[in-house]
Amino acid sequence: MLCVTSISYFVCLNGAKVRPIQPGRGLRQGDPFLSYMFILCNESSFALIRRVEENRDIHGGKVCRTTPSISHLYFVDDSFMFLRVTTH
């Protein structure tokens, strides 16, 4: 349990850290099941993001007018979300 509970995850929202997340159980680096779990989580989050984009609830950001919008990028162990924000 020390390997699982000794870590804290921080999420940045608009440049500010939110409350730390401290897992009680889970996978750690080197676990043979981790690769499969990573793919499953990425595919699930990708499907959810696409659904909300199709409903026009969120809009990705554009580099310039002629490029497609980018809403998210996945790297080996990182996920980035790019969203357009408007105030009312």
PDB file of N, CA and C in Angstrom:
ATOM      1  N   MET A   1       0.818  -1.206   0.000  1.00  0.00           N
ATOM      2  CA  MET A   1       0.000   0.000   0.000  1.00  0.00           C
ATOM      3  C   MET A   1       0.856   1.262   0.000  1.00  0.00           C
ATOM      4  N   LEU A   2       2.084   1.195   0.540  1.00  0.00           N
ATOM      5  CA  LEU A   2       2.941   2.380   0.569  1.00  0.00           C
ATOM      6  C   LEU A   2       3.243   2.855  -0.849  1.00  0.00           C
ATOM      7  N   CYS A   3       3.420   1.917  -1.784  1.00  0.00           N
ATOM      8  CA  CYS A   3       3.697   2.295  -3.171  1.00  0.00           C
ATOM      9  C   CYS A   3       2.515   3.008  -3.810  1.00  0.00           C
ATOM     10  N   VAL A   4       1.316   2.689  -3.388  1.00  0.00           N
ATOM     11  CA  VAL A   4       0.122   3.252  -3.997  1.00  0.00           C
ATOM     12  C   VAL A   4      -0.283   4.560  -3.322  1.00  0.00           C
ATOM     13  N   THR A   5      -0.182   4.635  -2.009  1.00  0.00           N
ATOM     14  CA  THR A   5      -0.694   5.803  -1.282  1.00  0.00           C
ATOM     15  C   THR A   5       0.354   6.881  -1.043  1.00  0.00           C
ATOM     16  N   SER A   6       1.594   6.652  -1.445  1.00  0.00           N
ATOM     17  CA  SER A   6       2.643   7.637  -1.168  1.00  0.00           C
ATOM     18  C   SER A   6       2.735   8.723  -2.226  1.00  0.00           C
ATOM     19  N   ILE A   7       1.876   8.712  -3.206  1.00  0.00           N
ATOM     20  CA  ILE A   7       1.956   9.684  -4.297  1.00  0.00           C
ATOM     21  C   ILE A   7       0.731  10.583  -4.284  1.00  0.00           C
ATOM     22  N   SER A   8       0.899  11.811  -4.762  1.00  0.00           N
ATOM     23  CA  SER A   8      -0.213  12.753  -4.928  1.00  0.00           C
ATOM     24  C   SER A   8      -0.178  13.276  -6.353  1.00  0.00           C
ATOM     25  N   TYR A   9      -1.339  13.430  -6.950  1.00  0.00           N
ATOM     26  CA  TYR A   9      -1.448  13.986  -8.294  1.00  0.00           C
ATOM     27  C   TYR A   9      -2.059  15.369  -8.196  1.00  0.00           C
ATOM     28  N   PHE A  10      -1.509  16.313  -8.954  1.00  0.00           N
ATOM     29  CA  PHE A  10      -2.046  17.669  -8.989  1.00  0.00           C
ATOM     30  C   PHE A  10      -2.557  17.954 -10.393  1.00  0.00           C
ATOM     31  N   VAL A  11      -3.690  18.598 -10.485  1.00  0.00           N
ATOM     32  CA  VAL A  11      -4.273  18.991 -11.754  1.00  0.00           C
ATOM     33  C   VAL A  11      -4.259  20.510 -11.810  1.00  0.00           C
ATOM     34  N   CYS A  12      -3.816  21.054 -12.940  1.00  0.00           N
ATOM     35  CA  CYS A  12      -3.819  22.507 -13.128  1.00  0.00           C
ATOM     36  C   CYS A  12      -5.050  22.894 -13.938  1.00  0.00           C
ATOM     37  N   LEU A  13      -5.796  23.850 -13.446  1.00  0.00           N
ATOM     38  CA  LEU A  13      -6.971  24.366 -14.125  1.00  0.00           C
ATOM     39  C   LEU A  13      -6.799  25.862 -14.258  1.00  0.00           C
ATOM     40  N   ASN A  14      -6.668  26.339 -15.482  1.00  0.00           N
ATOM     41  CA  ASN A  14      -6.417  27.759 -15.763  1.00  0.00           C
ATOM     42  C   ASN A  14      -5.168  28.250 -15.047  1.00  0.00           C
ATOM     43  N   GLY A  15      -4.139  27.411 -15.006  1.00  0.00           N
ATOM     44  CA  GLY A  15      -2.865  27.797 -14.428  1.00  0.00           C
ATOM     45  C   GLY A  15      -2.786  27.682 -12.916  1.00  0.00           C
ATOM     46  N   ALA A  16      -3.844  27.302 -12.256  1.00  0.00           N
ATOM     47  CA  ALA A  16      -3.843  27.177 -10.791  1.00  0.00           C
ATOM     48  C   ALA A  16      -4.031  25.710 -10.409  1.00  0.00           C
ATOM     49  N   LYS A  17      -3.271  25.274  -9.400  1.00  0.00           N
ATOM     50  CA  LYS A  17      -3.404  23.898  -8.932  1.00  0.00           C
ATOM     51  C   LYS A  17      -4.696  23.732  -8.158  1.00  0.00           C
ATOM     52  N   VAL A  18      -5.384  22.640  -8.433  1.00  0.00           N
ATOM     53  CA  VAL A  18      -6.571  22.306  -7.659  1.00  0.00           C
ATOM     54  C   VAL A  18      -6.172  21.319  -6.568  1.00  0.00           C
ATOM     55  N   ARG A  19      -7.106  20.957  -5.743  1.00  0.00           N
ATOM     56  CA  ARG A  19      -6.859  20.062  -4.615  1.00  0.00           C
ATOM     57  C   ARG A  19      -6.106  18.800  -5.067  1.00  0.00           C
ATOM     58  N   PRO A  20      -5.099  18.346  -4.324  1.00  0.00           N
ATOM     59  CA  PRO A  20      -4.360  17.143  -4.739  1.00  0.00           C
ATOM     60  C   PRO A  20      -5.223  15.892  -4.694  1.00  0.00           C
ATOM     61  N   ILE A  21      -4.937  14.989  -5.620  1.00  0.00           N
ATOM     62  CA  ILE A  21      -5.634  13.712  -5.684  1.00  0.00           C
ATOM     63  C   ILE A  21      -4.693  12.663  -5.097  1.00  0.00           C
ATOM     64  N   GLN A  22      -5.122  11.964  -4.061  1.00  0.00           N
ATOM     65  CA  GLN A  22      -4.311  10.923  -3.445  1.00  0.00           C
ATOM     66  C   GLN A  22      -5.008   9.579  -3.624  1.00  0.00           C
ATOM     67  N   PRO A  23      -4.479   8.732  -4.524  1.00  0.00           N
ATOM     68  CA  PRO A  23      -5.135   7.450  -4.778  1.00  0.00           C
ATOM     69  C   PRO A  23      -5.018   6.499  -3.592  1.00  0.00           C
ATOM     70  N   GLY A  24      -6.016   5.681  -3.407  1.00  0.00           N
ATOM     71  CA  GLY A  24      -5.995   4.677  -2.353  1.00  0.00           C
ATOM     72  C   GLY A  24      -5.492   3.341  -2.877  1.00  0.00           C
ATOM     73  N   ARG A  25      -5.823   3.050  -4.109  1.00  0.00           N
ATOM     74  CA  ARG A  25      -5.370   1.826  -4.774  1.00  0.00           C
ATOM     75  C   ARG A  25      -5.181   2.140  -6.242  1.00  0.00           C
ATOM     76  N   GLY A  26      -4.385   1.371  -6.896  1.00  0.00           N
ATOM     77  CA  GLY A  26      -4.222   1.612  -8.317  1.00  0.00           C
ATOM     78  C   GLY A  26      -2.970   0.988  -8.875  1.00  0.00           C
ATOM     79  N   LEU A  27      -2.617   1.393 -10.065  1.00  0.00           N
ATOM     80  CA  LEU A  27      -1.468   0.860 -10.772  1.00  0.00           C
ATOM     81  C   LEU A  27      -0.298   1.819 -10.646  1.00  0.00           C
ATOM     82  N   ARG A  28       0.889   1.277 -10.637  1.00  0.00           N
ATOM     83  CA  ARG A  28       2.109   2.080 -10.592  1.00  0.00           C
ATOM     84  C   ARG A  28       2.980   1.715 -11.778  1.00  0.00           C
ATOM     85  N   GLN A  29       3.979   2.541 -12.023  1.00  0.00           N
ATOM     86  CA  GLN A  29       4.892   2.296 -13.130  1.00  0.00           C
ATOM     87  C   GLN A  29       5.529   0.917 -12.984  1.00  0.00           C
ATOM     88  N   GLY A  30       5.586   0.171 -14.085  1.00  0.00           N
ATOM     89  CA  GLY A  30       6.162  -1.157 -14.069  1.00  0.00           C
ATOM     90  C   GLY A  30       5.139  -2.269 -13.946  1.00  0.00           C
ATOM     91  N   ASP A  31       3.918  -1.924 -13.610  1.00  0.00           N
ATOM     92  CA  ASP A  31       2.867  -2.938 -13.518  1.00  0.00           C
ATOM     93  C   ASP A  31       2.567  -3.444 -14.924  1.00  0.00           C
ATOM     94  N   PRO A  32       2.542  -4.767 -15.144  1.00  0.00           N
ATOM     95  CA  PRO A  32       2.314  -5.289 -16.499  1.00  0.00           C
ATOM     96  C   PRO A  32       0.931  -4.942 -17.070  1.00  0.00           C
ATOM     97  N   PHE A  33      -0.037  -4.680 -16.223  1.00  0.00           N
ATOM     98  CA  PHE A  33      -1.390  -4.349 -16.680  1.00  0.00           C
ATOM     99  C   PHE A  33      -1.513  -2.878 -17.072  1.00  0.00           C
ATOM    100  N   LEU A  34      -0.523  -2.059 -16.732  1.00  0.00           N
ATOM    101  CA  LEU A  34      -0.587  -0.609 -16.930  1.00  0.00           C
ATOM    102  C   LEU A  34      -0.776  -0.213 -18.391  1.00  0.00           C
ATOM    103  N   SER A  35      -0.098  -0.881 -19.303  1.00  0.00           N
ATOM    104  CA  SER A  35      -0.218  -0.533 -20.733  1.00  0.00           C
ATOM    105  C   SER A  35      -1.647  -0.702 -21.231  1.00  0.00           C
ATOM    106  N   TYR A  36      -2.288  -1.783 -20.832  1.00  0.00           N
ATOM    107  CA  TYR A  36      -3.663  -2.029 -21.256  1.00  0.00           C
ATOM    108  C   TYR A  36      -4.628  -1.024 -20.633  1.00  0.00           C
ATOM    109  N   MET A  37      -4.392  -0.705 -19.382  1.00  0.00           N
ATOM    110  CA  MET A  37      -5.245   0.256 -18.698  1.00  0.00           C
ATOM    111  C   MET A  37      -5.102   1.652 -19.313  1.00  0.00           C
ATOM    112  N   PHE A  38      -3.874   2.017 -19.680  1.00  0.00           N
ATOM    113  CA  PHE A  38      -3.623   3.311 -20.312  1.00  0.00           C
ATOM    114  C   PHE A  38      -4.385   3.422 -21.634  1.00  0.00           C
ATOM    115  N   ILE A  39      -4.321   2.372 -22.452  1.00  0.00           N
ATOM    116  CA  ILE A  39      -5.024   2.378 -23.744  1.00  0.00           C
ATOM    117  C   ILE A  39      -6.531   2.454 -23.525  1.00  0.00           C
ATOM    118  N   LEU A  40      -7.045   1.693 -22.584  1.00  0.00           N
ATOM    119  CA  LEU A  40      -8.474   1.702 -22.290  1.00  0.00           C
ATOM    120  C   LEU A  40      -8.942   3.085 -21.838  1.00  0.00           C
ATOM    121  N   CYS A  41      -8.192   3.711 -20.951  1.00  0.00           N
ATOM    122  CA  CYS A  41      -8.567   5.049 -20.463  1.00  0.00           C
ATOM    123  C   CYS A  41      -8.488   6.088 -21.573  1.00  0.00           C
ATOM    124  N   ASN A  42      -7.440   6.021 -22.406  1.00  0.00           N
ATOM    125  CA  ASN A  42      -7.317   6.981 -23.506  1.00  0.00           C
ATOM    126  C   ASN A  42      -8.432   6.817 -24.521  1.00  0.00           C
ATOM    127  N   GLU A  43      -8.753   5.588 -24.870  1.00  0.00           N
ATOM    128  CA  GLU A  43      -9.841   5.355 -25.825  1.00  0.00           C
ATOM    129  C   GLU A  43     -11.181   5.823 -25.264  1.00  0.00           C
ATOM    130  N   SER A  44     -11.406   5.591 -23.992  1.00  0.00           N
ATOM    131  CA  SER A  44     -12.662   6.025 -23.361  1.00  0.00           C
ATOM    132  C   SER A  44     -12.756   7.540 -23.313  1.00  0.00           C
ATOM    133  N   SER A  45     -11.682   8.192 -22.901  1.00  0.00           N
ATOM    134  CA  SER A  45     -11.722   9.656 -22.834  1.00  0.00           C
ATOM    135  C   SER A  45     -11.825  10.265 -24.227  1.00  0.00           C
ATOM    136  N   PHE A  46     -11.174   9.644 -25.229  1.00  0.00           N
ATOM    137  CA  PHE A  46     -11.263  10.125 -26.608  1.00  0.00           C
ATOM    138  C   PHE A  46     -12.712  10.053 -27.098  1.00  0.00           C
ATOM    139  N   ALA A  47     -13.393   8.943 -26.803  1.00  0.00           N
ATOM    140  CA  ALA A  47     -14.791   8.799 -27.223  1.00  0.00           C
ATOM    141  C   ALA A  47     -15.687   9.830 -26.544  1.00  0.00           C
ATOM    142  N   LEU A  48     -15.446  10.099 -25.271  1.00  0.00           N
ATOM    143  CA  LEU A  48     -16.248  11.109 -24.557  1.00  0.00           C
ATOM    144  C   LEU A  48     -16.000  12.507 -25.115  1.00  0.00           C
ATOM    145  N   ILE A  49     -14.743  12.822 -25.398  1.00  0.00           N
ATOM    146  CA  ILE A  49     -14.402  14.148 -25.948  1.00  0.00           C
ATOM    147  C   ILE A  49     -15.066  14.326 -27.317  1.00  0.00           C
ATOM    148  N   ARG A  50     -14.999  13.294 -28.167  1.00  0.00           N
ATOM    149  CA  ARG A  50     -15.617  13.383 -29.493  1.00  0.00           C
ATOM    150  C   ARG A  50     -17.123  13.582 -29.393  1.00  0.00           C
ATOM    151  N   ARG A  51     -17.753  12.909 -28.448  1.00  0.00           N
ATOM    152  CA  ARG A  51     -19.207  13.044 -28.277  1.00  0.00           C
ATOM    153  C   ARG A  51     -19.575  14.475 -27.880  1.00  0.00           C
ATOM    154  N   VAL A  52     -18.824  15.055 -26.969  1.00  0.00           N
ATOM    155  CA  VAL A  52     -19.148  16.419 -26.533  1.00  0.00           C
ATOM    156  C   VAL A  52     -18.845  17.421 -27.643  1.00  0.00           C
ATOM    157  N   GLU A  53     -17.810  17.144 -28.443  1.00  0.00           N
ATOM    158  CA  GLU A  53     -17.514  18.010 -29.590  1.00  0.00           C
ATOM    159  C   GLU A  53     -18.641  17.936 -30.626  1.00  0.00           C
ATOM    160  N   GLU A  54     -19.142  16.749 -30.899  1.00  0.00           N
ATOM    161  CA  GLU A  54     -20.228  16.589 -31.864  1.00  0.00           C
ATOM    162  C   GLU A  54     -21.499  17.287 -31.401  1.00  0.00           C
ATOM    163  N   ASN A  55     -21.724  17.336 -30.091  1.00  0.00           N
ATOM    164  CA  ASN A  55     -22.871  18.053 -29.524  1.00  0.00           C
ATOM    165  C   ASN A  55     -22.633  19.561 -29.461  1.00  0.00           C
ATOM    166  N   ARG A  56     -21.436  19.977 -29.851  1.00  0.00           N
ATOM    167  CA  ARG A  56     -21.028  21.387 -29.830  1.00  0.00           C
ATOM    168  C   ARG A  56     -21.053  21.988 -28.427  1.00  0.00           C
ATOM    169  N   ASP A  57     -20.779  21.160 -27.418  1.00  0.00           N
ATOM    170  CA  ASP A  57     -20.671  21.654 -26.053  1.00  0.00           C
ATOM    171  C   ASP A  57     -19.283  22.208 -25.767  1.00  0.00           C
ATOM    172  N   ILE A  58     -18.263  21.699 -26.468  1.00  0.00           N
ATOM    173  CA  ILE A  58     -16.912  22.241 -26.367  1.00  0.00           C
ATOM    174  C   ILE A  58     -16.376  22.470 -27.769  1.00  0.00           C
ATOM    175  N   HIS A  59     -15.401  23.348 -27.873  1.00  0.00           N
ATOM    176  CA  HIS A  59     -14.752  23.655 -29.145  1.00  0.00           C
ATOM    177  C   HIS A  59     -13.252  23.682 -28.905  1.00  0.00           C
ATOM    178  N   GLY A  60     -12.506  23.012 -29.760  1.00  0.00           N
ATOM    179  CA  GLY A  60     -11.054  23.036 -29.658  1.00  0.00           C
ATOM    180  C   GLY A  60     -10.502  24.377 -30.110  1.00  0.00           C
ATOM    181  N   GLY A  61      -9.222  24.569 -29.892  1.00  0.00           N
ATOM    182  CA  GLY A  61      -8.550  25.792 -30.320  1.00  0.00           C
ATOM    183  C   GLY A  61      -7.922  25.622 -31.692  1.00  0.00           C
ATOM    184  N   LYS A  62      -7.697  26.729 -32.383  1.00  0.00           N
ATOM    185  CA  LYS A  62      -7.076  26.696 -33.706  1.00  0.00           C
ATOM    186  C   LYS A  62      -5.779  27.480 -33.668  1.00  0.00           C
ATOM    187  N   VAL A  63      -4.793  27.014 -34.437  1.00  0.00           N
ATOM    188  CA  VAL A  63      -3.535  27.727 -34.561  1.00  0.00           C
ATOM    189  C   VAL A  63      -3.726  28.926 -35.481  1.00  0.00           C
ATOM    190  N   CYS A  64      -4.460  28.730 -36.586  1.00  0.00           N
ATOM    191  CA  CYS A  64      -4.857  29.824 -37.476  1.00  0.00           C
ATOM    192  C   CYS A  64      -6.179  29.439 -38.124  1.00  0.00           C
ATOM    193  N   ARG A  65      -6.747  30.332 -38.915  1.00  0.00           N
ATOM    194  CA  ARG A  65      -8.097  30.113 -39.451  1.00  0.00           C
ATOM    195  C   ARG A  65      -8.233  28.905 -40.359  1.00  0.00           C
ATOM    196  N   THR A  66      -7.181  28.566 -41.085  1.00  0.00           N
ATOM    197  CA  THR A  66      -7.284  27.502 -42.088  1.00  0.00           C
ATOM    198  C   THR A  66      -6.956  26.112 -41.542  1.00  0.00           C
ATOM    199  N   THR A  67      -6.619  26.002 -40.277  1.00  0.00           N
ATOM    200  CA  THR A  67      -6.278  24.697 -39.712  1.00  0.00           C
ATOM    201  C   THR A  67      -7.469  24.101 -38.970  1.00  0.00           C
ATOM    202  N   PRO A  68      -7.502  22.779 -38.843  1.00  0.00           N
ATOM    203  CA  PRO A  68      -8.574  22.173 -38.043  1.00  0.00           C
ATOM    204  C   PRO A  68      -8.371  22.478 -36.561  1.00  0.00           C
ATOM    205  N   SER A  69      -9.439  22.426 -35.804  1.00  0.00           N
ATOM    206  CA  SER A  69      -9.322  22.711 -34.378  1.00  0.00           C
ATOM    207  C   SER A  69      -8.712  21.518 -33.652  1.00  0.00           C
ATOM    208  N   ILE A  70      -7.973  21.817 -32.600  1.00  0.00           N
ATOM    209  CA  ILE A  70      -7.320  20.795 -31.785  1.00  0.00           C
ATOM    210  C   ILE A  70      -7.946  20.851 -30.401  1.00  0.00           C
ATOM    211  N   SER A  71      -8.513  19.747 -29.958  1.00  0.00           N
ATOM    212  CA  SER A  71      -9.133  19.738 -28.635  1.00  0.00           C
ATOM    213  C   SER A  71      -8.294  18.978 -27.618  1.00  0.00           C
ATOM    214  N   HIS A  72      -7.475  18.015 -28.080  1.00  0.00           N
ATOM    215  CA  HIS A  72      -6.686  17.232 -27.137  1.00  0.00           C
ATOM    216  C   HIS A  72      -5.505  16.573 -27.840  1.00  0.00           C
ATOM    217  N   LEU A  73      -4.468  16.311 -27.065  1.00  0.00           N
ATOM    218  CA  LEU A  73      -3.293  15.583 -27.531  1.00  0.00           C
ATOM    219  C   LEU A  73      -2.925  14.553 -26.480  1.00  0.00           C
ATOM    220  N   TYR A  74      -2.560  13.368 -26.912  1.00  0.00           N
ATOM    221  CA  TYR A  74      -2.100  12.319 -26.005  1.00  0.00           C
ATOM    222  C   TYR A  74      -0.648  12.012 -26.313  1.00  0.00           C
ATOM    223  N   PHE A  75       0.168  11.971 -25.279  1.00  0.00           N
ATOM    224  CA  PHE A  75       1.551  11.558 -25.397  1.00  0.00           C
ATOM    225  C   PHE A  75       1.724  10.293 -24.566  1.00  0.00           C
ATOM    226  N   VAL A  76       2.930   9.847 -24.371  1.00  0.00           N
ATOM    227  CA  VAL A  76       3.177   8.585 -23.675  1.00  0.00           C
ATOM    228  C   VAL A  76       2.480   8.539 -22.321  1.00  0.00           C
ATOM    229  N   ASP A  77       2.679   9.534 -21.506  1.00  0.00           N
ATOM    230  CA  ASP A  77       2.041   9.523 -20.188  1.00  0.00           C
ATOM    231  C   ASP A  77       1.411  10.862 -19.843  1.00  0.00           C
ATOM    232  N   ASP A  78       1.099  11.652 -20.849  1.00  0.00           N
ATOM    233  CA  ASP A  78       0.493  12.959 -20.641  1.00  0.00           C
ATOM    234  C   ASP A  78      -0.719  13.138 -21.531  1.00  0.00           C
ATOM    235  N   SER A  79      -1.673  13.907 -21.052  1.00  0.00           N
ATOM    236  CA  SER A  79      -2.839  14.272 -21.848  1.00  0.00           C
ATOM    237  C   SER A  79      -3.008  15.781 -21.750  1.00  0.00           C
ATOM    238  N   PHE A  80      -3.205  16.436 -22.873  1.00  0.00           N
ATOM    239  CA  PHE A  80      -3.398  17.876 -22.914  1.00  0.00           C
ATOM    240  C   PHE A  80      -4.740  18.172 -23.563  1.00  0.00           C
ATOM    241  N   MET A  81      -5.474  19.127 -22.997  1.00  0.00           N
ATOM    242  CA  MET A  81      -6.739  19.550 -23.588  1.00  0.00           C
ATOM    243  C   MET A  81      -6.638  21.024 -23.944  1.00  0.00           C
ATOM    244  N   PHE A  82      -7.068  21.370 -25.151  1.00  0.00           N
ATOM    245  CA  PHE A  82      -7.065  22.745 -25.637  1.00  0.00           C
ATOM    246  C   PHE A  82      -8.502  23.119 -25.937  1.00  0.00           C
ATOM    247  N   LEU A  83      -9.035  24.046 -25.174  1.00  0.00           N
ATOM    248  CA  LEU A  83     -10.439  24.423 -25.343  1.00  0.00           C
ATOM    249  C   LEU A  83     -10.561  25.929 -25.479  1.00  0.00           C
ATOM    250  N   ARG A  84     -11.490  26.342 -26.304  1.00  0.00           N
ATOM    251  CA  ARG A  84     -11.779  27.758 -26.461  1.00  0.00           C
ATOM    252  C   ARG A  84     -12.744  28.164 -25.349  1.00  0.00           C
ATOM    253  N   VAL A  85     -12.437  29.255 -24.687  1.00  0.00           N
ATOM    254  CA  VAL A  85     -13.255  29.706 -23.563  1.00  0.00           C
ATOM    255  C   VAL A  85     -13.836  31.076 -23.905  1.00  0.00           C
ATOM    256  N   THR A  86     -15.118  31.226 -23.658  1.00  0.00           N
ATOM    257  CA  THR A  86     -15.759  32.529 -23.839  1.00  0.00           C
ATOM    258  C   THR A  86     -16.468  32.895 -22.554  1.00  0.00           C
ATOM    259  N   THR A  87     -16.571  34.198 -22.302  1.00  0.00           N
ATOM    260  CA  THR A  87     -17.318  34.668 -21.128  1.00  0.00           C
ATOM    261  C   THR A  87     -18.617  35.296 -21.591  1.00  0.00           C
ATOM    262  N   HIS A  88     -19.619  35.179 -20.778  1.00  0.00           N
ATOM    263  CA  HIS A  88     -20.944  35.724 -21.133  1.00  0.00           C
ATOM    264  C   HIS A  88     -21.246  36.924 -20.283  1.00  0.00           C
TER     265      HIS A  88
END
